[in-house]
Amino acid sequence: MSPKDGRAHGKRKAPKARRIRLQTDTRRAQLLELGMDLFAARAYEDIAIDDLAAAAGISKGLLYHYFRGKREFYVETIRAASLKLRRLSEPDRTLPPMARLRASIDAHLNYIQEHGPAYAAIYRSGVAVAPEVSEILEEHRGVVLRHFLRNLGVARPRPVLRAALRAWISMVEGASLDWIAHPALKRDQLRELLIAGYVATLAKAMELDPQALPATLFHAAAS
């Protein structure tokens, strides 16, 4: 066989390799989706690796092909959940500032309605199961913070603005957990409460430090 024939043979193999990779990534994503449901319904310590494999309809050995054990599976499930929420709630920069905020909060609340038990399990007990969860949650908060700073046109936030936005992010997390536990609150009421909290928090930050955010940027962000 000539070198040319060898190259052609190698090229014919490439699509198959890509298909295998795609199948692997798809299966892994499916397992992580399943993990969200399982860990939301049952406590971490009540689930064995055999339970995970049985629920997925695969052998335990195949599950170990994707994850080194139950703990890694749990951590990666939370990482995947965080990435999904980031994608869904990323601000749409084509919208005006307040419409952008409202759309992001709506996307967040949609996620809570769909994955409330998983969200609650992650934020209430995730860190106790695996310390890595704390890093994932902190990374998530950092991404959200950068989104809002970008929307405000601020590259380097002054301390009071940074603290204000971090406080508001904590408000969203706390209110979300409360809504999961006490769903009598109407969704629209919660959304408007979070929007009002955002505007009020920015206003207070400006009062404490007028240089934290120029008035023109504040009015643009709050209108």
C-alpha atoms as a PDB file:
ATOM      1  CA  MET A   1       0.000   0.000   0.000  1.00  0.00           C
ATOM      2  CA  SER A   2       1.402   3.401  -0.961  1.00  0.00           C
ATOM      3  CA  PRO A   3       1.746   6.320   1.542  1.00  0.00           C
ATOM      4  CA  LYS A   4      -1.088   7.968  -0.334  1.00  0.00           C
ATOM      5  CA  ASP A   5      -3.288   4.945   0.259  1.00  0.00           C
ATOM      6  CA  GLY A   6      -2.314   4.990   3.913  1.00  0.00           C
ATOM      7  CA  ARG A   7      -3.349   8.619   4.281  1.00  0.00           C
ATOM      8  CA  ALA A   8      -6.664   7.880   2.641  1.00  0.00           C
ATOM      9  CA  HIS A   9      -7.192   4.935   4.966  1.00  0.00           C
ATOM     10  CA  GLY A  10      -6.428   7.184   7.972  1.00  0.00           C
ATOM     11  CA  LYS A  11      -8.889   9.781   6.789  1.00  0.00           C
ATOM     12  CA  ARG A  12     -11.618   7.159   6.510  1.00  0.00           C
ATOM     13  CA  LYS A  13     -11.067   6.267  10.155  1.00  0.00           C
ATOM     14  CA  ALA A  14     -11.439   9.821  11.466  1.00  0.00           C
ATOM     15  CA  PRO A  15     -15.248  10.115  11.147  1.00  0.00           C
ATOM     16  CA  LYS A  16     -15.675   6.870  13.079  1.00  0.00           C
ATOM     17  CA  ALA A  17     -13.421   8.192  15.865  1.00  0.00           C
ATOM     18  CA  ARG A  18     -15.486  11.368  16.032  1.00  0.00           C
ATOM     19  CA  ARG A  19     -18.698   9.347  16.222  1.00  0.00           C
ATOM     20  CA  ILE A  20     -17.311   7.298  19.090  1.00  0.00           C
ATOM     21  CA  ARG A  21     -16.280  10.485  20.894  1.00  0.00           C
ATOM     22  CA  LEU A  22     -19.706  11.998  20.337  1.00  0.00           C
ATOM     23  CA  GLN A  23     -21.398   8.875  21.632  1.00  0.00           C
ATOM     24  CA  THR A  24     -19.175   8.945  24.726  1.00  0.00           C
ATOM     25  CA  ASP A  25     -19.928  12.614  25.423  1.00  0.00           C
ATOM     26  CA  THR A  26     -23.645  12.042  24.874  1.00  0.00           C
ATOM     27  CA  ARG A  27     -23.721   9.070  27.232  1.00  0.00           C
ATOM     28  CA  ARG A  28     -21.800  11.013  29.867  1.00  0.00           C
ATOM     29  CA  ALA A  29     -24.236  13.940  29.590  1.00  0.00           C
ATOM     30  CA  GLN A  30     -27.153  11.522  29.953  1.00  0.00           C
ATOM     31  CA  LEU A  31     -25.591  10.046  33.081  1.00  0.00           C
ATOM     32  CA  LEU A  32     -25.139  13.500  34.592  1.00  0.00           C
ATOM     33  CA  GLU A  33     -28.793  14.348  33.901  1.00  0.00           C
ATOM     34  CA  LEU A  34     -29.762  11.106  35.609  1.00  0.00           C
ATOM     35  CA  GLY A  35     -27.482  11.981  38.509  1.00  0.00           C
ATOM     36  CA  MET A  36     -29.363  15.235  39.073  1.00  0.00           C
ATOM     37  CA  ASP A  37     -32.621  13.324  39.439  1.00  0.00           C
ATOM     38  CA  LEU A  38     -31.178  10.646  41.693  1.00  0.00           C
ATOM     39  CA  PHE A  39     -29.298  12.925  44.072  1.00  0.00           C
ATOM     40  CA  ALA A  40     -32.321  15.225  44.292  1.00  0.00           C
ATOM     41  CA  ALA A  41     -34.624  12.356  45.266  1.00  0.00           C
ATOM     42  CA  ARG A  42     -32.342  10.532  47.713  1.00  0.00           C
ATOM     43  CA  ALA A  43     -29.563  11.440  50.107  1.00  0.00           C
ATOM     44  CA  TYR A  44     -26.032  10.874  48.848  1.00  0.00           C
ATOM     45  CA  GLU A  45     -25.265   8.285  51.517  1.00  0.00           C
ATOM     46  CA  ASP A  46     -28.393   6.289  50.609  1.00  0.00           C
ATOM     47  CA  ILE A  47     -27.278   5.720  47.012  1.00  0.00           C
ATOM     48  CA  ALA A  48     -24.781   2.979  46.112  1.00  0.00           C
ATOM     49  CA  ILE A  49     -22.790   2.817  42.906  1.00  0.00           C
ATOM     50  CA  ASP A  50     -24.867  -0.267  42.014  1.00  0.00           C
ATOM     51  CA  ASP A  51     -28.014   1.857  42.295  1.00  0.00           C
ATOM     52  CA  LEU A  52     -26.559   4.412  39.892  1.00  0.00           C
ATOM     53  CA  ALA A  53     -25.595   1.751  37.371  1.00  0.00           C
ATOM     54  CA  ALA A  54     -28.992   0.059  37.621  1.00  0.00           C
ATOM     55  CA  ALA A  55     -30.865   3.352  37.161  1.00  0.00           C
ATOM     56  CA  ALA A  56     -28.732   4.112  34.098  1.00  0.00           C
ATOM     57  CA  GLY A  57     -29.276   0.632  32.677  1.00  0.00           C
ATOM     58  CA  ILE A  58     -25.541  -0.051  32.396  1.00  0.00           C
ATOM     59  CA  SER A  59     -23.024  -2.232  34.201  1.00  0.00           C
ATOM     60  CA  LYS A  60     -21.104  -0.949  37.167  1.00  0.00           C
ATOM     61  CA  GLY A  61     -17.897  -1.440  35.198  1.00  0.00           C
ATOM     62  CA  LEU A  62     -19.141   0.814  32.414  1.00  0.00           C
ATOM     63  CA  LEU A  63     -20.087   3.500  34.935  1.00  0.00           C
ATOM     64  CA  TYR A  64     -16.494   3.384  36.215  1.00  0.00           C
ATOM     65  CA  HIS A  65     -15.400   4.024  32.644  1.00  0.00           C
ATOM     66  CA  TYR A  66     -16.965   7.501  32.901  1.00  0.00           C
ATOM     67  CA  PHE A  67     -16.388   8.261  36.603  1.00  0.00           C
ATOM     68  CA  ARG A  68     -13.886   6.937  39.126  1.00  0.00           C
ATOM     69  CA  GLY A  69     -16.572   6.486  41.769  1.00  0.00           C
ATOM     70  CA  LYS A  70     -19.755   7.777  43.324  1.00  0.00           C
ATOM     71  CA  ARG A  71     -18.110  10.878  44.765  1.00  0.00           C
ATOM     72  CA  GLU A  72     -16.692  11.981  41.419  1.00  0.00           C
ATOM     73  CA  PHE A  73     -20.045  11.275  39.787  1.00  0.00           C
ATOM     74  CA  TYR A  74     -21.716  13.500  42.390  1.00  0.00           C
ATOM     75  CA  VAL A  75     -19.224  16.348  41.942  1.00  0.00           C
ATOM     76  CA  GLU A  76     -19.458  16.222  38.156  1.00  0.00           C
ATOM     77  CA  THR A  77     -23.254  16.158  38.360  1.00  0.00           C
ATOM     78  CA  ILE A  78     -23.165  19.401  40.335  1.00  0.00           C
ATOM     79  CA  ARG A  79     -20.643  20.920  37.940  1.00  0.00           C
ATOM     80  CA  ALA A  80     -22.910  20.078  35.008  1.00  0.00           C
ATOM     81  CA  ALA A  81     -25.914  21.578  36.817  1.00  0.00           C
ATOM     82  CA  SER A  82     -23.977  24.787  37.448  1.00  0.00           C
ATOM     83  CA  LEU A  83     -22.920  25.062  33.809  1.00  0.00           C
ATOM     84  CA  LYS A  84     -26.478  24.488  32.635  1.00  0.00           C
ATOM     85  CA  LEU A  85     -27.841  27.216  34.899  1.00  0.00           C
ATOM     86  CA  ARG A  86     -25.104  29.606  33.717  1.00  0.00           C
ATOM     87  CA  ARG A  87     -26.012  29.007  30.083  1.00  0.00           C
ATOM     88  CA  LEU A  88     -29.718  29.448  30.684  1.00  0.00           C
ATOM     89  CA  SER A  89     -29.442  32.627  32.745  1.00  0.00           C
ATOM     90  CA  GLU A  90     -26.641  34.379  30.864  1.00  0.00           C
ATOM     91  CA  PRO A  91     -27.825  37.948  30.183  1.00  0.00           C
ATOM     92  CA  ASP A  92     -29.005  38.698  26.663  1.00  0.00           C
ATOM     93  CA  ARG A  93     -26.973  41.771  25.738  1.00  0.00           C
ATOM     94  CA  THR A  94     -29.357  42.631  22.893  1.00  0.00           C
ATOM     95  CA  LEU A  95     -32.022  43.576  25.457  1.00  0.00           C
ATOM     96  CA  PRO A  96     -32.257  46.857  27.412  1.00  0.00           C
ATOM     97  CA  PRO A  97     -30.737  46.590  30.926  1.00  0.00           C
ATOM     98  CA  MET A  98     -33.919  45.994  32.933  1.00  0.00           C
ATOM     99  CA  ALA A  99     -35.381  43.640  30.331  1.00  0.00           C
ATOM    100  CA  ARG A 100     -32.043  41.804  30.406  1.00  0.00           C
ATOM    101  CA  LEU A 101     -32.224  41.480  34.190  1.00  0.00           C
ATOM    102  CA  ARG A 102     -35.842  40.322  34.080  1.00  0.00           C
ATOM    103  CA  ALA A 103     -35.034  37.714  31.415  1.00  0.00           C
ATOM    104  CA  SER A 104     -32.080  36.379  33.443  1.00  0.00           C
ATOM    105  CA  ILE A 105     -34.182  36.094  36.587  1.00  0.00           C
ATOM    106  CA  ASP A 106     -36.973  34.401  34.635  1.00  0.00           C
ATOM    107  CA  ALA A 107     -34.485  31.856  33.286  1.00  0.00           C
ATOM    108  CA  HIS A 108     -33.214  31.250  36.823  1.00  0.00           C
ATOM    109  CA  LEU A 109     -36.743  30.728  38.135  1.00  0.00           C
ATOM    110  CA  ASN A 110     -37.522  28.390  35.227  1.00  0.00           C
ATOM    111  CA  TYR A 111     -34.564  26.289  36.296  1.00  0.00           C
ATOM    112  CA  ILE A 112     -35.739  26.310  39.915  1.00  0.00           C
ATOM    113  CA  GLN A 113     -39.209  25.158  38.886  1.00  0.00           C
ATOM    114  CA  GLU A 114     -37.738  22.310  36.850  1.00  0.00           C
ATOM    115  CA  HIS A 115     -34.888  21.272  39.163  1.00  0.00           C
ATOM    116  CA  GLY A 116     -35.926  22.617  42.576  1.00  0.00           C
ATOM    117  CA  PRO A 117     -35.096  19.506  44.642  1.00  0.00           C
ATOM    118  CA  ALA A 118     -31.669  19.205  42.995  1.00  0.00           C
ATOM    119  CA  TYR A 119     -30.934  22.907  43.565  1.00  0.00           C
ATOM    120  CA  ALA A 120     -31.911  22.582  47.225  1.00  0.00           C
ATOM    121  CA  ALA A 121     -29.821  19.459  47.707  1.00  0.00           C
ATOM    122  CA  ILE A 122     -26.759  21.111  46.194  1.00  0.00           C
ATOM    123  CA  TYR A 123     -26.958  24.335  48.194  1.00  0.00           C
ATOM    124  CA  ARG A 124     -27.977  22.753  51.493  1.00  0.00           C
ATOM    125  CA  SER A 125     -25.833  19.644  51.713  1.00  0.00           C
ATOM    126  CA  GLY A 126     -23.513  19.530  48.713  1.00  0.00           C
ATOM    127  CA  VAL A 127     -20.478  20.956  50.499  1.00  0.00           C
ATOM    128  CA  ALA A 128     -20.843  18.429  53.316  1.00  0.00           C
ATOM    129  CA  VAL A 129     -20.661  15.600  50.784  1.00  0.00           C
ATOM    130  CA  ALA A 130     -17.673  16.926  48.818  1.00  0.00           C
ATOM    131  CA  PRO A 131     -15.560  20.042  49.510  1.00  0.00           C
ATOM    132  CA  GLU A 132     -15.171  20.524  45.743  1.00  0.00           C
ATOM    133  CA  VAL A 133     -18.812  21.604  45.648  1.00  0.00           C
ATOM    134  CA  SER A 134     -17.855  24.788  47.487  1.00  0.00           C
ATOM    135  CA  GLU A 135     -15.411  25.639  44.685  1.00  0.00           C
ATOM    136  CA  ILE A 136     -18.062  24.969  42.031  1.00  0.00           C
ATOM    137  CA  LEU A 137     -20.601  27.196  43.782  1.00  0.00           C
ATOM    138  CA  GLU A 138     -18.049  29.953  44.286  1.00  0.00           C
ATOM    139  CA  GLU A 139     -17.039  29.761  40.641  1.00  0.00           C
ATOM    140  CA  HIS A 140     -20.709  30.024  39.692  1.00  0.00           C
ATOM    141  CA  ARG A 141     -21.136  33.144  41.834  1.00  0.00           C
ATOM    142  CA  GLY A 142     -18.021  34.635  40.281  1.00  0.00           C
ATOM    143  CA  VAL A 143     -19.416  34.125  36.781  1.00  0.00           C
ATOM    144  CA  VAL A 144     -22.713  35.766  37.757  1.00  0.00           C
ATOM    145  CA  LEU A 145     -20.833  38.665  39.341  1.00  0.00           C
ATOM    146  CA  ARG A 146     -18.800  39.212  36.163  1.00  0.00           C
ATOM    147  CA  HIS A 147     -21.977  39.156  34.071  1.00  0.00           C
ATOM    148  CA  PHE A 148     -23.499  41.970  36.110  1.00  0.00           C
ATOM    149  CA  LEU A 149     -20.317  44.007  36.201  1.00  0.00           C
ATOM    150  CA  ARG A 150     -20.102  43.715  32.416  1.00  0.00           C
ATOM    151  CA  ASN A 151     -23.716  44.846  32.121  1.00  0.00           C
ATOM    152  CA  LEU A 152     -22.906  47.849  34.304  1.00  0.00           C
ATOM    153  CA  GLY A 153     -19.823  48.669  32.257  1.00  0.00           C
ATOM    154  CA  VAL A 154     -17.543  48.270  35.273  1.00  0.00           C
ATOM    155  CA  ALA A 155     -14.210  46.485  34.806  1.00  0.00           C
ATOM    156  CA  ARG A 156     -12.832  46.897  38.336  1.00  0.00           C
ATOM    157  CA  PRO A 157     -15.551  47.240  40.967  1.00  0.00           C
ATOM    158  CA  ARG A 158     -14.956  49.326  44.041  1.00  0.00           C
ATOM    159  CA  PRO A 159     -15.356  47.338  47.288  1.00  0.00           C
ATOM    160  CA  VAL A 160     -18.852  48.577  48.081  1.00  0.00           C
ATOM    161  CA  LEU A 161     -20.190  47.683  44.614  1.00  0.00           C
ATOM    162  CA  ARG A 162     -18.619  44.253  44.711  1.00  0.00           C
ATOM    163  CA  ALA A 163     -20.061  43.616  48.178  1.00  0.00           C
ATOM    164  CA  ALA A 164     -23.484  44.871  47.063  1.00  0.00           C
ATOM    165  CA  LEU A 165     -23.630  42.542  44.071  1.00  0.00           C
ATOM    166  CA  ARG A 166     -22.405  39.591  46.109  1.00  0.00           C
ATOM    167  CA  ALA A 167     -25.097  40.343  48.675  1.00  0.00           C
ATOM    168  CA  TRP A 168     -27.741  40.392  45.941  1.00  0.00           C
ATOM    169  CA  ILE A 169     -26.499  37.056  44.551  1.00  0.00           C
ATOM    170  CA  SER A 170     -26.886  35.609  48.060  1.00  0.00           C
ATOM    171  CA  MET A 171     -30.393  37.061  48.167  1.00  0.00           C
ATOM    172  CA  VAL A 172     -31.277  35.238  44.953  1.00  0.00           C
ATOM    173  CA  GLU A 173     -29.928  31.959  46.330  1.00  0.00           C
ATOM    174  CA  GLY A 174     -31.713  32.349  49.669  1.00  0.00           C
ATOM    175  CA  ALA A 175     -35.006  33.409  48.087  1.00  0.00           C
ATOM    176  CA  SER A 176     -34.794  30.490  45.645  1.00  0.00           C
ATOM    177  CA  LEU A 177     -34.331  27.992  48.463  1.00  0.00           C
ATOM    178  CA  ASP A 178     -37.216  29.534  50.389  1.00  0.00           C
ATOM    179  CA  TRP A 179     -39.444  29.385  47.288  1.00  0.00           C
ATOM    180  CA  ILE A 180     -38.640  25.688  46.844  1.00  0.00           C
ATOM    181  CA  ALA A 181     -39.635  25.027  50.458  1.00  0.00           C
ATOM    182  CA  HIS A 182     -42.624  27.421  50.411  1.00  0.00           C
ATOM    183  CA  PRO A 183     -44.008  27.571  46.861  1.00  0.00           C
ATOM    184  CA  ALA A 184     -47.108  29.558  47.873  1.00  0.00           C
ATOM    185  CA  LEU A 185     -45.289  32.726  46.793  1.00  0.00           C
ATOM    186  CA  LYS A 186     -46.246  33.568  43.236  1.00  0.00           C
ATOM    187  CA  ARG A 187     -43.461  33.394  40.719  1.00  0.00           C
ATOM    188  CA  ASP A 188     -44.050  36.925  39.404  1.00  0.00           C
ATOM    189  CA  GLN A 189     -43.969  38.289  42.939  1.00  0.00           C
ATOM    190  CA  LEU A 190     -40.613  36.636  43.587  1.00  0.00           C
ATOM    191  CA  ARG A 191     -39.192  37.957  40.317  1.00  0.00           C
ATOM    192  CA  GLU A 192     -40.291  41.523  41.092  1.00  0.00           C
ATOM    193  CA  LEU A 193     -38.939  41.203  44.629  1.00  0.00           C
ATOM    194  CA  LEU A 194     -35.537  40.197  43.275  1.00  0.00           C
ATOM    195  CA  ILE A 195     -35.552  43.045  40.757  1.00  0.00           C
ATOM    196  CA  ALA A 196     -36.467  45.536  43.479  1.00  0.00           C
ATOM    197  CA  GLY A 197     -33.699  44.146  45.669  1.00  0.00           C
ATOM    198  CA  TYR A 198     -31.184  44.600  42.863  1.00  0.00           C
ATOM    199  CA  VAL A 199     -32.158  48.228  42.244  1.00  0.00           C
ATOM    200  CA  ALA A 200     -32.242  49.049  45.959  1.00  0.00           C
ATOM    201  CA  THR A 201     -28.871  47.409  46.551  1.00  0.00           C
ATOM    202  CA  LEU A 202     -27.247  49.400  43.744  1.00  0.00           C
ATOM    203  CA  ALA A 203     -28.835  52.612  45.023  1.00  0.00           C
ATOM    204  CA  LYS A 204     -27.454  52.014  48.517  1.00  0.00           C
ATOM    205  CA  ALA A 205     -24.013  51.231  47.114  1.00  0.00           C
ATOM    206  CA  MET A 206     -24.038  54.589  45.298  1.00  0.00           C
ATOM    207  CA  GLU A 207     -25.148  56.370  48.452  1.00  0.00           C
ATOM    208  CA  LEU A 208     -22.281  54.848  50.417  1.00  0.00           C
ATOM    209  CA  ASP A 209     -19.746  55.419  47.663  1.00  0.00           C
ATOM    210  CA  PRO A 210     -20.788  57.832  44.881  1.00  0.00           C
ATOM    211  CA  GLN A 211     -17.791  56.698  42.840  1.00  0.00           C
ATOM    212  CA  ALA A 212     -18.898  53.066  42.936  1.00  0.00           C
ATOM    213  CA  LEU A 213     -21.175  53.576  39.955  1.00  0.00           C
ATOM    214  CA  PRO A 214     -21.698  56.739  37.900  1.00  0.00           C
ATOM    215  CA  ALA A 215     -25.252  58.043  38.118  1.00  0.00           C
ATOM    216  CA  THR A 216     -25.719  57.679  34.357  1.00  0.00           C
ATOM    217  CA  LEU A 217     -24.853  53.979  34.539  1.00  0.00           C
ATOM    218  CA  PHE A 218     -27.147  53.447  37.514  1.00  0.00           C
ATOM    219  CA  HIS A 219     -30.119  55.074  35.777  1.00  0.00           C
ATOM    220  CA  ALA A 220     -29.396  53.052  32.651  1.00  0.00           C
ATOM    221  CA  ALA A 221     -29.236  49.823  34.648  1.00  0.00           C
ATOM    222  CA  ALA A 222     -32.408  50.613  36.593  1.00  0.00           C
ATOM    223  CA  SER A 223     -34.546  51.663  33.650  1.00  0.00           C
END
